[in-house]
């Protein structure tokens, strides 16, 4: 495995662990409470949505080193969205999968992956990508949803960790 991909898998596992630690402090009531600012939105739904993307990528990689991944064909894991315990268990399992994939010797950040997605007109289109790019996408997609989770926590009178939901580049350039 190349160093870039190893680093990406480590970053992914670290970000997942941070999310797990953050939500483990919540009650099931707060985890499943609907937002007034974002109607229909709950912390649990955002956790589930994050995991859906990683699950699609990691499941495809387990079957084929050069898979086709369709992020629009998600199986929604209600176990992860309906309770803190379910969310934590699902996140920790996903972090372990990232660590397991990190240790595969033949994977490279430039390995090709085909992305299939539904366009606004309803047509499915395919795009070429790479393993590194898609792992980066899923990790930054998680950070984006972590920011929404942090906002929901504030709405519910809770305080997420100081650096939770910031992209690594933001942390790097943020004044101390």
N, C-alpha and C. Protein backbone atom coordinates (compact mmCIF):
# COMPACT_ATOMS: atom_id res chain seq x y z
N UNK A 1 0.85 -1.18 0.00
CA UNK A 1 0.00 0.00 0.00
C UNK A 1 0.89 1.24 0.00
N UNK A 2 0.48 2.23 -0.76
CA UNK A 2 1.29 3.44 -0.78
C UNK A 2 1.02 4.29 0.46
N UNK A 3 1.97 5.17 0.75
CA UNK A 3 1.92 5.97 1.98
C UNK A 3 0.70 6.90 2.02
N UNK A 4 0.32 7.46 0.85
CA UNK A 4 -0.84 8.36 0.82
C UNK A 4 -2.10 7.63 1.26
N UNK A 5 -2.29 6.44 0.71
CA UNK A 5 -3.50 5.69 1.03
C UNK A 5 -3.49 5.25 2.49
N UNK A 6 -2.33 4.83 2.98
CA UNK A 6 -2.20 4.46 4.39
C UNK A 6 -2.61 5.64 5.27
N UNK A 7 -2.13 6.82 4.94
CA UNK A 7 -2.46 8.03 5.69
C UNK A 7 -3.95 8.34 5.62
N UNK A 8 -4.55 8.17 4.43
CA UNK A 8 -5.99 8.42 4.28
C UNK A 8 -6.81 7.47 5.14
N UNK A 9 -6.45 6.19 5.14
CA UNK A 9 -7.19 5.24 5.97
C UNK A 9 -7.03 5.57 7.45
N UNK A 10 -5.82 5.97 7.86
CA UNK A 10 -5.61 6.38 9.25
C UNK A 10 -6.48 7.59 9.60
N UNK A 11 -6.50 8.58 8.72
CA UNK A 11 -7.31 9.78 8.94
C UNK A 11 -8.79 9.42 9.04
N UNK A 12 -9.23 8.53 8.16
CA UNK A 12 -10.63 8.09 8.18
C UNK A 12 -10.96 7.43 9.52
N UNK A 13 -10.12 6.50 9.94
CA UNK A 13 -10.36 5.81 11.22
C UNK A 13 -10.35 6.80 12.37
N UNK A 14 -9.43 7.76 12.35
CA UNK A 14 -9.35 8.77 13.41
C UNK A 14 -10.61 9.64 13.45
N UNK A 15 -11.07 10.07 12.27
CA UNK A 15 -12.28 10.91 12.21
C UNK A 15 -13.51 10.13 12.68
N UNK A 16 -13.59 8.85 12.30
CA UNK A 16 -14.70 8.02 12.76
C UNK A 16 -14.66 7.86 14.28
N UNK A 17 -13.47 7.65 14.82
CA UNK A 17 -13.32 7.50 16.27
C UNK A 17 -13.74 8.79 16.98
N UNK A 18 -13.37 9.93 16.42
CA UNK A 18 -13.77 11.22 17.01
C UNK A 18 -15.30 11.35 17.01
N UNK A 19 -15.94 10.94 15.92
CA UNK A 19 -17.40 10.99 15.85
C UNK A 19 -18.00 10.06 16.91
N UNK A 20 -17.46 8.86 17.04
CA UNK A 20 -17.96 7.91 18.02
C UNK A 20 -17.87 8.47 19.44
N UNK A 21 -16.73 9.05 19.77
CA UNK A 21 -16.55 9.64 21.11
C UNK A 21 -17.53 10.79 21.34
N UNK A 22 -17.76 11.58 20.31
CA UNK A 22 -18.66 12.73 20.44
C UNK A 22 -20.09 12.28 20.69
N UNK A 23 -20.58 11.33 19.91
CA UNK A 23 -21.98 10.93 20.09
C UNK A 23 -22.18 10.05 21.31
N UNK A 24 -21.12 9.42 21.80
CA UNK A 24 -21.26 8.54 22.97
C UNK A 24 -21.69 9.31 24.22
N UNK A 25 -21.54 10.63 24.19
CA UNK A 25 -21.93 11.46 25.34
C UNK A 25 -23.41 11.84 25.31
N UNK A 26 -24.10 11.50 24.23
CA UNK A 26 -25.49 11.91 24.05
C UNK A 26 -26.47 10.91 24.66
N UNK A 27 -27.67 11.38 24.94
CA UNK A 27 -28.77 10.48 25.29
C UNK A 27 -29.47 10.08 24.00
N UNK A 28 -30.22 8.99 24.04
CA UNK A 28 -30.99 8.59 22.87
C UNK A 28 -32.00 9.66 22.48
N UNK A 29 -32.54 10.36 23.47
CA UNK A 29 -33.52 11.42 23.19
C UNK A 29 -32.87 12.52 22.35
N UNK A 30 -31.69 12.99 22.74
CA UNK A 30 -31.00 14.04 21.97
C UNK A 30 -30.58 13.50 20.61
N UNK A 31 -30.13 12.26 20.56
CA UNK A 31 -29.64 11.63 19.33
C UNK A 31 -30.74 11.53 18.27
N UNK A 32 -31.97 11.33 18.73
CA UNK A 32 -33.08 11.13 17.79
C UNK A 32 -34.04 12.32 17.73
N UNK A 33 -33.72 13.40 18.45
CA UNK A 33 -34.59 14.59 18.42
C UNK A 33 -34.49 15.30 17.08
N UNK A 34 -35.64 15.73 16.57
CA UNK A 34 -35.66 16.45 15.30
C UNK A 34 -35.31 17.92 15.53
N UNK A 35 -34.53 18.43 14.62
CA UNK A 35 -34.12 19.83 14.64
C UNK A 35 -35.28 20.73 14.24
N UNK A 36 -35.33 21.91 14.86
CA UNK A 36 -36.29 22.93 14.42
C UNK A 36 -35.71 23.71 13.24
N UNK A 37 -34.40 23.88 13.23
CA UNK A 37 -33.73 24.63 12.16
C UNK A 37 -33.66 23.83 10.86
N UNK A 38 -33.50 22.51 10.99
CA UNK A 38 -33.43 21.62 9.82
C UNK A 38 -34.50 20.55 9.99
N UNK A 39 -35.75 20.86 9.66
CA UNK A 39 -36.86 19.93 9.91
C UNK A 39 -36.59 18.53 9.35
N UNK A 40 -36.86 17.54 10.19
CA UNK A 40 -36.65 16.14 9.82
C UNK A 40 -35.25 15.64 10.09
N UNK A 41 -34.34 16.54 10.41
CA UNK A 41 -32.95 16.19 10.63
C UNK A 41 -32.72 15.79 12.08
N UNK A 42 -31.98 14.70 12.28
CA UNK A 42 -31.56 14.29 13.62
C UNK A 42 -30.07 13.97 13.58
N UNK A 43 -29.45 13.97 14.73
CA UNK A 43 -28.04 13.58 14.80
C UNK A 43 -27.89 12.16 14.29
N UNK A 44 -28.78 11.27 14.72
CA UNK A 44 -28.72 9.88 14.29
C UNK A 44 -28.83 9.70 12.79
N UNK A 45 -29.68 10.49 12.14
CA UNK A 45 -29.81 10.40 10.68
C UNK A 45 -28.53 10.83 9.99
N UNK A 46 -27.85 11.83 10.54
CA UNK A 46 -26.58 12.25 9.93
C UNK A 46 -25.50 11.20 10.14
N UNK A 47 -25.48 10.57 11.30
CA UNK A 47 -24.53 9.48 11.53
C UNK A 47 -24.79 8.36 10.53
N UNK A 48 -26.04 7.96 10.40
CA UNK A 48 -26.39 6.90 9.45
C UNK A 48 -25.97 7.27 8.03
N UNK A 49 -26.23 8.50 7.64
CA UNK A 49 -25.88 8.95 6.29
C UNK A 49 -24.37 8.88 6.05
N UNK A 50 -23.59 9.30 7.03
CA UNK A 50 -22.13 9.21 6.94
C UNK A 50 -21.72 7.76 6.71
N UNK A 51 -22.24 6.88 7.54
CA UNK A 51 -21.85 5.47 7.48
C UNK A 51 -22.31 4.80 6.19
N UNK A 52 -23.45 5.23 5.65
CA UNK A 52 -23.92 4.67 4.37
C UNK A 52 -22.86 4.83 3.28
N UNK A 53 -22.25 5.99 3.21
CA UNK A 53 -21.25 6.25 2.17
C UNK A 53 -20.01 5.38 2.35
N UNK A 54 -19.49 5.32 3.58
CA UNK A 54 -18.34 4.46 3.82
C UNK A 54 -18.68 3.00 3.55
N UNK A 55 -19.86 2.58 3.95
CA UNK A 55 -20.27 1.20 3.76
C UNK A 55 -20.29 0.82 2.28
N UNK A 56 -20.82 1.71 1.45
CA UNK A 56 -20.85 1.43 0.01
C UNK A 56 -19.44 1.28 -0.56
N UNK A 57 -18.55 2.18 -0.19
CA UNK A 57 -17.17 2.12 -0.69
C UNK A 57 -16.46 0.88 -0.17
N UNK A 58 -16.51 0.65 1.14
CA UNK A 58 -15.78 -0.46 1.74
C UNK A 58 -16.34 -1.81 1.31
N UNK A 59 -17.66 -1.93 1.19
CA UNK A 59 -18.27 -3.19 0.74
C UNK A 59 -17.87 -3.50 -0.69
N UNK A 60 -17.84 -2.47 -1.53
CA UNK A 60 -17.44 -2.68 -2.93
C UNK A 60 -15.99 -3.12 -3.01
N UNK A 61 -15.12 -2.54 -2.19
CA UNK A 61 -13.70 -2.90 -2.19
C UNK A 61 -13.48 -4.33 -1.72
N UNK A 62 -14.35 -4.82 -0.84
CA UNK A 62 -14.21 -6.18 -0.33
C UNK A 62 -14.47 -7.22 -1.41
N UNK A 63 -15.22 -6.83 -2.45
CA UNK A 63 -15.60 -7.76 -3.51
C UNK A 63 -14.71 -7.62 -4.74
N UNK A 64 -14.26 -6.40 -5.03
CA UNK A 64 -13.55 -6.12 -6.27
C UNK A 64 -12.53 -5.00 -6.02
N UNK A 65 -11.26 -5.21 -6.38
CA UNK A 65 -10.27 -4.15 -6.15
C UNK A 65 -10.48 -2.92 -7.04
N UNK A 66 -11.28 -3.06 -8.10
CA UNK A 66 -11.59 -1.94 -9.01
C UNK A 66 -13.11 -1.87 -9.19
N UNK A 67 -13.83 -1.56 -8.11
CA UNK A 67 -15.29 -1.68 -8.13
C UNK A 67 -16.00 -0.51 -8.79
N UNK A 68 -17.30 -0.71 -8.96
CA UNK A 68 -18.22 0.38 -9.27
C UNK A 68 -18.98 0.68 -7.99
N UNK A 69 -19.01 1.95 -7.62
CA UNK A 69 -19.69 2.39 -6.40
C UNK A 69 -20.79 3.36 -6.79
N UNK A 70 -21.98 3.14 -6.24
CA UNK A 70 -23.09 4.07 -6.47
C UNK A 70 -23.55 4.61 -5.12
N UNK A 71 -23.19 5.85 -4.83
CA UNK A 71 -23.56 6.46 -3.56
C UNK A 71 -25.06 6.74 -3.46
N UNK A 72 -25.76 6.72 -4.57
CA UNK A 72 -27.20 6.98 -4.53
C UNK A 72 -28.00 5.72 -4.22
N UNK A 73 -27.36 4.59 -4.15
CA UNK A 73 -28.06 3.33 -3.87
C UNK A 73 -27.73 2.84 -2.45
N UNK A 74 -28.02 3.69 -1.51
CA UNK A 74 -27.69 3.38 -0.11
C UNK A 74 -28.75 2.51 0.54
N UNK A 75 -28.28 1.56 1.35
CA UNK A 75 -29.17 0.82 2.24
C UNK A 75 -29.11 1.54 3.58
N UNK A 76 -30.18 2.11 3.97
CA UNK A 76 -30.17 2.93 5.19
C UNK A 76 -30.15 2.04 6.44
N UNK A 77 -29.08 2.20 7.23
CA UNK A 77 -28.85 1.41 8.43
C UNK A 77 -29.57 2.07 9.61
N UNK A 78 -30.84 1.68 9.83
CA UNK A 78 -31.60 2.32 10.90
C UNK A 78 -31.01 2.01 12.28
N UNK A 79 -30.29 0.90 12.42
CA UNK A 79 -29.63 0.56 13.69
C UNK A 79 -28.71 1.70 14.10
N UNK A 80 -28.01 2.30 13.14
CA UNK A 80 -27.07 3.38 13.44
C UNK A 80 -27.77 4.70 13.75
N UNK A 81 -28.99 4.88 13.29
CA UNK A 81 -29.65 6.17 13.47
C UNK A 81 -30.63 6.20 14.63
N UNK A 82 -31.02 5.05 15.14
CA UNK A 82 -32.10 5.01 16.13
C UNK A 82 -31.66 5.00 17.59
N UNK A 83 -30.36 4.77 17.85
CA UNK A 83 -29.89 4.80 19.24
C UNK A 83 -28.41 5.14 19.27
N UNK A 84 -27.98 5.74 20.35
CA UNK A 84 -26.56 6.07 20.52
C UNK A 84 -25.74 4.79 20.48
N UNK A 85 -26.20 3.75 21.18
CA UNK A 85 -25.45 2.49 21.20
C UNK A 85 -25.30 1.92 19.79
N UNK A 86 -26.36 1.98 19.01
CA UNK A 86 -26.30 1.51 17.63
C UNK A 86 -25.36 2.35 16.78
N UNK A 87 -25.40 3.66 16.99
CA UNK A 87 -24.50 4.55 16.26
C UNK A 87 -23.05 4.30 16.61
N UNK A 88 -22.75 4.20 17.91
CA UNK A 88 -21.38 3.97 18.35
C UNK A 88 -20.87 2.63 17.82
N UNK A 89 -21.67 1.58 17.96
CA UNK A 89 -21.25 0.25 17.48
C UNK A 89 -20.99 0.27 15.97
N UNK A 90 -21.86 0.92 15.23
CA UNK A 90 -21.70 0.99 13.77
C UNK A 90 -20.48 1.80 13.37
N UNK A 91 -20.25 2.91 14.06
CA UNK A 91 -19.07 3.74 13.76
C UNK A 91 -17.80 2.99 14.09
N UNK A 92 -17.76 2.34 15.25
CA UNK A 92 -16.56 1.60 15.64
C UNK A 92 -16.27 0.46 14.67
N UNK A 93 -17.32 -0.22 14.20
CA UNK A 93 -17.13 -1.28 13.21
C UNK A 93 -16.57 -0.71 11.91
N UNK A 94 -17.06 0.46 11.50
CA UNK A 94 -16.57 1.09 10.27
C UNK A 94 -15.12 1.54 10.43
N UNK A 95 -14.76 2.06 11.60
CA UNK A 95 -13.37 2.46 11.86
C UNK A 95 -12.45 1.24 11.79
N UNK A 96 -12.91 0.11 12.32
CA UNK A 96 -12.11 -1.11 12.25
C UNK A 96 -11.97 -1.58 10.80
N UNK A 97 -13.02 -1.47 10.02
CA UNK A 97 -12.93 -1.83 8.60
C UNK A 97 -11.91 -0.96 7.90
N UNK A 98 -11.88 0.33 8.22
CA UNK A 98 -10.88 1.23 7.63
C UNK A 98 -9.47 0.77 8.00
N UNK A 99 -9.28 0.38 9.26
CA UNK A 99 -7.95 -0.10 9.69
C UNK A 99 -7.59 -1.41 8.98
N UNK A 100 -8.57 -2.29 8.81
CA UNK A 100 -8.32 -3.56 8.12
C UNK A 100 -7.95 -3.31 6.66
N UNK A 101 -8.68 -2.42 6.00
CA UNK A 101 -8.37 -2.11 4.60
C UNK A 101 -7.02 -1.42 4.47
N UNK A 102 -6.66 -0.62 5.46
CA UNK A 102 -5.36 0.06 5.46
C UNK A 102 -4.22 -0.95 5.37
N UNK A 103 -4.41 -2.11 5.94
CA UNK A 103 -3.35 -3.10 6.02
C UNK A 103 -3.29 -4.04 4.81
N UNK A 104 -4.10 -3.80 3.79
CA UNK A 104 -4.02 -4.61 2.57
C UNK A 104 -2.82 -4.16 1.74
N UNK A 105 -1.90 -5.07 1.46
CA UNK A 105 -0.64 -4.66 0.82
C UNK A 105 -0.75 -4.24 -0.64
N UNK A 106 -1.78 -4.67 -1.35
CA UNK A 106 -1.83 -4.41 -2.80
C UNK A 106 -2.68 -3.21 -3.19
N UNK A 107 -3.18 -2.46 -2.24
CA UNK A 107 -4.03 -1.31 -2.56
C UNK A 107 -3.17 -0.07 -2.78
N UNK A 108 -3.58 0.75 -3.73
CA UNK A 108 -2.86 1.99 -4.06
C UNK A 108 -3.86 3.13 -4.23
N UNK A 109 -3.45 4.32 -3.86
CA UNK A 109 -4.35 5.47 -3.94
C UNK A 109 -4.83 5.73 -5.37
N UNK A 110 -4.07 5.28 -6.35
CA UNK A 110 -4.43 5.51 -7.75
C UNK A 110 -5.24 4.36 -8.36
N UNK A 111 -5.61 3.35 -7.56
CA UNK A 111 -6.42 2.25 -8.08
C UNK A 111 -7.74 2.81 -8.62
N UNK A 112 -8.14 2.39 -9.83
CA UNK A 112 -9.36 2.95 -10.43
C UNK A 112 -10.64 2.45 -9.76
N UNK A 113 -11.58 3.35 -9.66
CA UNK A 113 -12.93 3.05 -9.18
C UNK A 113 -13.89 3.76 -10.12
N UNK A 114 -14.98 3.08 -10.46
CA UNK A 114 -16.02 3.71 -11.26
C UNK A 114 -17.13 4.16 -10.31
N UNK A 115 -17.54 5.40 -10.46
CA UNK A 115 -18.63 5.94 -9.66
C UNK A 115 -19.86 6.03 -10.55
N UNK A 116 -20.95 5.48 -10.08
CA UNK A 116 -22.22 5.57 -10.78
C UNK A 116 -23.16 6.38 -9.90
N UNK A 117 -23.79 7.39 -10.48
CA UNK A 117 -24.68 8.21 -9.66
C UNK A 117 -25.85 8.70 -10.50
N UNK A 118 -26.92 9.02 -9.82
CA UNK A 118 -28.12 9.52 -10.48
C UNK A 118 -28.03 11.03 -10.62
N UNK A 119 -28.20 11.49 -11.83
CA UNK A 119 -28.14 12.92 -12.13
C UNK A 119 -29.50 13.56 -11.88
N UNK A 120 -29.55 14.91 -11.80
CA UNK A 120 -30.82 15.59 -11.52
C UNK A 120 -31.96 15.20 -12.48
N UNK A 121 -31.66 14.87 -13.71
CA UNK A 121 -32.69 14.48 -14.66
C UNK A 121 -33.17 13.05 -14.49
N UNK A 122 -32.52 12.30 -13.57
CA UNK A 122 -32.93 10.93 -13.31
C UNK A 122 -32.06 9.88 -13.98
N UNK A 123 -31.17 10.30 -14.89
CA UNK A 123 -30.30 9.34 -15.56
C UNK A 123 -29.13 8.95 -14.66
N UNK A 124 -28.72 7.69 -14.75
CA UNK A 124 -27.51 7.26 -14.06
C UNK A 124 -26.33 7.47 -14.99
N UNK A 125 -25.28 8.07 -14.46
CA UNK A 125 -24.06 8.32 -15.22
C UNK A 125 -22.89 7.71 -14.48
N UNK A 126 -21.84 7.36 -15.22
CA UNK A 126 -20.64 6.80 -14.62
C UNK A 126 -19.46 7.74 -14.82
N UNK A 127 -18.61 7.78 -13.79
CA UNK A 127 -17.41 8.61 -13.80
C UNK A 127 -16.25 7.78 -13.29
N UNK A 128 -15.08 8.06 -13.81
CA UNK A 128 -13.88 7.37 -13.32
C UNK A 128 -13.31 8.16 -12.14
N UNK A 129 -12.83 7.41 -11.17
CA UNK A 129 -12.22 8.01 -10.00
C UNK A 129 -11.10 7.09 -9.53
N UNK A 130 -10.60 7.35 -8.33
CA UNK A 130 -9.55 6.50 -7.76
C UNK A 130 -9.92 6.17 -6.32
N UNK A 131 -9.29 5.15 -5.80
CA UNK A 131 -9.52 4.77 -4.41
C UNK A 131 -9.18 5.92 -3.47
N UNK A 132 -8.05 6.56 -3.68
CA UNK A 132 -7.65 7.68 -2.83
C UNK A 132 -8.66 8.81 -2.87
N UNK A 133 -9.13 9.15 -4.04
CA UNK A 133 -10.10 10.24 -4.20
C UNK A 133 -11.40 9.92 -3.49
N UNK A 134 -11.87 8.69 -3.63
CA UNK A 134 -13.16 8.33 -3.03
C UNK A 134 -13.07 8.21 -1.51
N UNK A 135 -11.94 7.73 -1.01
CA UNK A 135 -11.76 7.69 0.44
C UNK A 135 -11.69 9.12 0.99
N UNK A 136 -10.99 9.99 0.27
CA UNK A 136 -10.93 11.41 0.65
C UNK A 136 -12.33 12.02 0.63
N UNK A 137 -13.11 11.72 -0.43
CA UNK A 137 -14.48 12.24 -0.52
C UNK A 137 -15.31 11.80 0.69
N UNK A 138 -15.29 10.50 1.00
CA UNK A 138 -16.11 10.00 2.12
C UNK A 138 -15.70 10.64 3.44
N UNK A 139 -14.40 10.83 3.63
CA UNK A 139 -13.92 11.43 4.88
C UNK A 139 -14.32 12.90 4.98
N UNK A 140 -14.19 13.65 3.90
CA UNK A 140 -14.59 15.06 3.93
C UNK A 140 -16.11 15.21 3.96
N UNK A 141 -16.81 14.29 3.35
CA UNK A 141 -18.27 14.25 3.44
C UNK A 141 -18.67 14.07 4.91
N UNK A 142 -17.94 13.21 5.63
CA UNK A 142 -18.20 13.00 7.05
C UNK A 142 -17.95 14.29 7.84
N UNK A 143 -16.87 14.98 7.55
CA UNK A 143 -16.57 16.23 8.26
C UNK A 143 -17.69 17.25 8.04
N UNK A 144 -18.19 17.33 6.82
CA UNK A 144 -19.31 18.22 6.51
C UNK A 144 -20.53 17.87 7.37
N UNK A 145 -20.85 16.58 7.45
CA UNK A 145 -22.01 16.17 8.27
C UNK A 145 -21.72 16.30 9.75
N UNK A 146 -20.45 16.14 10.15
CA UNK A 146 -20.10 16.39 11.55
C UNK A 146 -20.38 17.85 11.92
N UNK A 147 -20.17 18.76 10.97
CA UNK A 147 -20.48 20.17 11.22
C UNK A 147 -21.98 20.36 11.45
N UNK A 148 -22.78 19.64 10.70
CA UNK A 148 -24.23 19.71 10.92
C UNK A 148 -24.58 19.11 12.28
N UNK A 149 -23.93 17.98 12.61
CA UNK A 149 -24.14 17.36 13.93
C UNK A 149 -23.77 18.35 15.03
N UNK A 150 -22.65 19.04 14.87
CA UNK A 150 -22.23 20.03 15.87
C UNK A 150 -23.28 21.14 16.00
N UNK A 151 -23.83 21.58 14.88
CA UNK A 151 -24.88 22.61 14.92
C UNK A 151 -26.12 22.09 15.64
N UNK A 152 -26.49 20.85 15.37
CA UNK A 152 -27.64 20.26 16.06
C UNK A 152 -27.37 20.14 17.56
N UNK A 153 -26.15 19.77 17.91
CA UNK A 153 -25.81 19.68 19.33
C UNK A 153 -25.98 21.05 20.00
N UNK A 154 -25.51 22.10 19.34
CA UNK A 154 -25.68 23.45 19.90
C UNK A 154 -27.17 23.80 20.02
N UNK A 155 -27.94 23.45 18.99
CA UNK A 155 -29.38 23.71 19.04
C UNK A 155 -30.02 23.03 20.26
N UNK A 156 -29.52 21.83 20.60
CA UNK A 156 -30.09 21.07 21.71
C UNK A 156 -29.43 21.40 23.05
N UNK A 157 -28.61 22.48 23.08
CA UNK A 157 -27.99 22.92 24.32
C UNK A 157 -26.77 22.11 24.72
N UNK A 158 -26.16 21.43 23.78
CA UNK A 158 -24.98 20.60 24.05
C UNK A 158 -23.75 21.26 23.46
N UNK A 159 -22.59 20.81 23.88
CA UNK A 159 -21.34 21.41 23.43
C UNK A 159 -20.41 20.35 22.86
N UNK A 160 -20.26 20.30 21.54
CA UNK A 160 -19.34 19.34 20.94
C UNK A 160 -17.89 19.71 21.27
N UNK A 161 -16.98 18.76 21.15
CA UNK A 161 -15.56 19.07 21.38
C UNK A 161 -15.11 20.24 20.50
N UNK A 162 -14.16 21.00 20.97
CA UNK A 162 -13.72 22.23 20.31
C UNK A 162 -13.33 22.03 18.85
N UNK A 163 -12.58 20.98 18.53
CA UNK A 163 -12.10 20.80 17.16
C UNK A 163 -12.97 19.84 16.35
N UNK A 164 -14.08 19.40 16.91
CA UNK A 164 -14.98 18.49 16.21
C UNK A 164 -15.55 19.20 14.99
N UNK A 165 -15.56 18.52 13.87
CA UNK A 165 -16.20 18.98 12.65
C UNK A 165 -15.40 20.01 11.86
N UNK A 166 -14.13 20.13 12.16
CA UNK A 166 -13.27 21.00 11.36
C UNK A 166 -12.42 20.15 10.43
N UNK A 167 -12.29 20.59 9.19
CA UNK A 167 -11.41 19.91 8.25
C UNK A 167 -9.97 20.07 8.70
N UNK A 168 -9.12 19.09 8.41
CA UNK A 168 -7.71 19.21 8.80
C UNK A 168 -7.06 20.51 8.31
N UNK A 169 -7.42 20.96 7.11
CA UNK A 169 -6.82 22.20 6.59
C UNK A 169 -7.27 23.41 7.41
N UNK A 170 -8.49 23.39 7.90
CA UNK A 170 -8.98 24.48 8.75
C UNK A 170 -8.23 24.50 10.07
N UNK A 171 -8.05 23.34 10.67
CA UNK A 171 -7.32 23.24 11.93
C UNK A 171 -5.88 23.71 11.74
N UNK A 172 -5.28 23.31 10.63
CA UNK A 172 -3.89 23.68 10.35
C UNK A 172 -3.72 25.20 10.25
N UNK A 173 -4.69 25.88 9.65
CA UNK A 173 -4.55 27.32 9.39
C UNK A 173 -5.32 28.19 10.37
N UNK A 174 -6.00 27.58 11.33
CA UNK A 174 -6.78 28.34 12.30
C UNK A 174 -5.84 28.96 13.33
N UNK A 175 -6.01 30.25 13.60
CA UNK A 175 -5.16 30.87 14.63
C UNK A 175 -5.36 30.18 15.98
N UNK A 176 -4.28 30.01 16.69
CA UNK A 176 -4.35 29.33 18.00
C UNK A 176 -4.81 30.26 19.07
